[in-house]
Amino acid sequence: MKAETDIHESHPDIVKRLKRAEGHIRRVISMFEEGRPCLDLAQQLHAVEKAIAEAKRQLIHDHVDQCLDVAANGRGKPTRAVVSEFKAISRY
């Protein structure tokens, strides 16, 4: 059974955000290897964490905006499937 393609308008922006976070994570790893102070490390890890959390928030909001709107207007997946998906994504 083939997975359904679910690409939204916001996905390219989310990918850009995650690629920046990926680069930031690489830099933080280097900072650890360089023996940088714990305060610097904690600050940078916090920034990475915020970037990833923002990507997740954008994904969930986009899903709610697009997928639930489609279901509410009688297009796309059956309402029961959309509600089930919404319950699953809301756990994150």
Protein backbone atom coordinates (compact mmCIF):
# COMPACT_ATOMS: atom_id res chain seq x y z
CA MET A 1 0.00 0.00 0.00
CA LYS A 2 1.51 3.30 -1.09
CA ALA A 3 1.72 6.16 1.43
CA GLU A 4 -0.29 9.23 0.54
CA THR A 5 1.73 12.32 -0.40
CA ASP A 6 1.00 15.07 2.08
CA ILE A 7 3.01 18.12 1.04
CA HIS A 8 1.82 21.47 2.32
CA GLU A 9 2.76 24.99 1.34
CA SER A 10 4.76 25.46 4.57
CA HIS A 11 6.92 22.34 4.14
CA PRO A 12 9.74 24.04 2.18
CA ASP A 13 10.01 26.69 4.93
CA ILE A 14 10.07 23.99 7.58
CA VAL A 15 12.82 22.15 5.70
CA LYS A 16 14.88 25.38 5.53
CA ARG A 17 14.41 25.90 9.26
CA LEU A 18 15.47 22.32 10.02
CA LYS A 19 18.53 22.58 7.78
CA ARG A 20 19.59 25.70 9.70
CA ALA A 21 19.06 23.80 12.95
CA GLU A 22 21.10 20.90 11.54
CA GLY A 23 24.01 23.27 10.88
CA HIS A 24 23.60 24.75 14.32
CA ILE A 25 23.70 21.29 15.89
CA ARG A 26 26.95 20.54 14.04
CA ARG A 27 28.40 23.77 15.45
CA VAL A 28 27.28 22.87 18.98
CA ILE A 29 28.98 19.48 18.67
CA SER A 30 32.17 21.28 17.64
CA MET A 31 31.81 23.56 20.66
CA PHE A 32 31.65 20.49 22.91
CA GLU A 33 34.74 19.07 21.26
CA GLU A 34 36.54 22.42 21.73
CA GLY A 35 35.76 22.37 25.43
CA ARG A 36 33.66 25.52 25.39
CA PRO A 37 32.07 26.72 28.65
CA CYS A 38 28.86 25.03 29.78
CA LEU A 39 26.94 28.31 29.72
CA ASP A 40 27.78 28.79 26.02
CA LEU A 41 26.79 25.20 25.31
CA ALA A 42 23.50 25.49 27.17
CA GLN A 43 22.63 28.72 25.34
CA GLN A 44 23.32 27.18 21.95
CA LEU A 45 21.42 23.99 22.77
CA HIS A 46 18.48 26.13 23.86
CA ALA A 47 18.58 27.92 20.48
CA VAL A 48 18.57 24.59 18.62
CA GLU A 49 15.71 23.34 20.76
CA LYS A 50 13.67 26.47 20.02
CA ALA A 51 14.32 26.19 16.28
CA ILE A 52 13.10 22.59 16.20
CA ALA A 53 10.09 23.39 18.39
CA GLU A 54 9.15 26.22 16.02
CA ALA A 55 9.38 23.86 13.03
CA LYS A 56 7.08 21.42 14.83
CA ARG A 57 4.65 24.21 15.76
CA GLN A 58 4.52 25.40 12.15
CA LEU A 59 3.89 21.85 10.91
CA ILE A 60 1.04 21.26 13.36
CA HIS A 61 -0.59 24.64 12.69
CA ASP A 62 -0.33 24.07 8.94
CA HIS A 63 -1.86 20.62 9.33
CA VAL A 64 -4.75 22.02 11.34
CA ASP A 65 -5.30 24.89 8.91
CA GLN A 66 -5.22 22.79 5.74
CA CYS A 67 -6.32 19.28 6.62
CA LEU A 68 -9.13 20.16 8.99
CA ASP A 69 -10.39 22.84 6.61
CA VAL A 70 -10.53 20.28 3.81
CA ALA A 71 -12.42 17.84 6.04
CA ALA A 72 -14.83 20.51 7.29
CA ASN A 73 -15.71 21.35 3.71
CA GLY A 74 -16.38 17.72 2.78
CA ARG A 75 -13.28 17.23 0.64
CA GLY A 76 -10.45 14.76 1.14
CA LYS A 77 -10.32 12.11 3.84
CA PRO A 78 -13.43 10.99 5.72
CA THR A 79 -14.10 13.05 8.85
CA ARG A 80 -13.39 10.12 11.17
CA ALA A 81 -9.89 9.70 9.67
CA VAL A 82 -9.17 13.42 9.97
CA VAL A 83 -10.31 13.51 13.61
CA SER A 84 -8.15 10.47 14.37
CA GLU A 85 -5.16 12.13 12.70
CA PHE A 86 -5.79 15.37 14.62
CA LYS A 87 -5.87 13.47 17.92
CA ALA A 88 -2.59 11.76 17.04
CA ILE A 89 -0.80 14.98 16.00
CA SER A 90 -2.06 16.89 19.03
CA ARG A 91 -0.02 14.58 21.28
CA TYR A 92 3.10 16.25 19.96
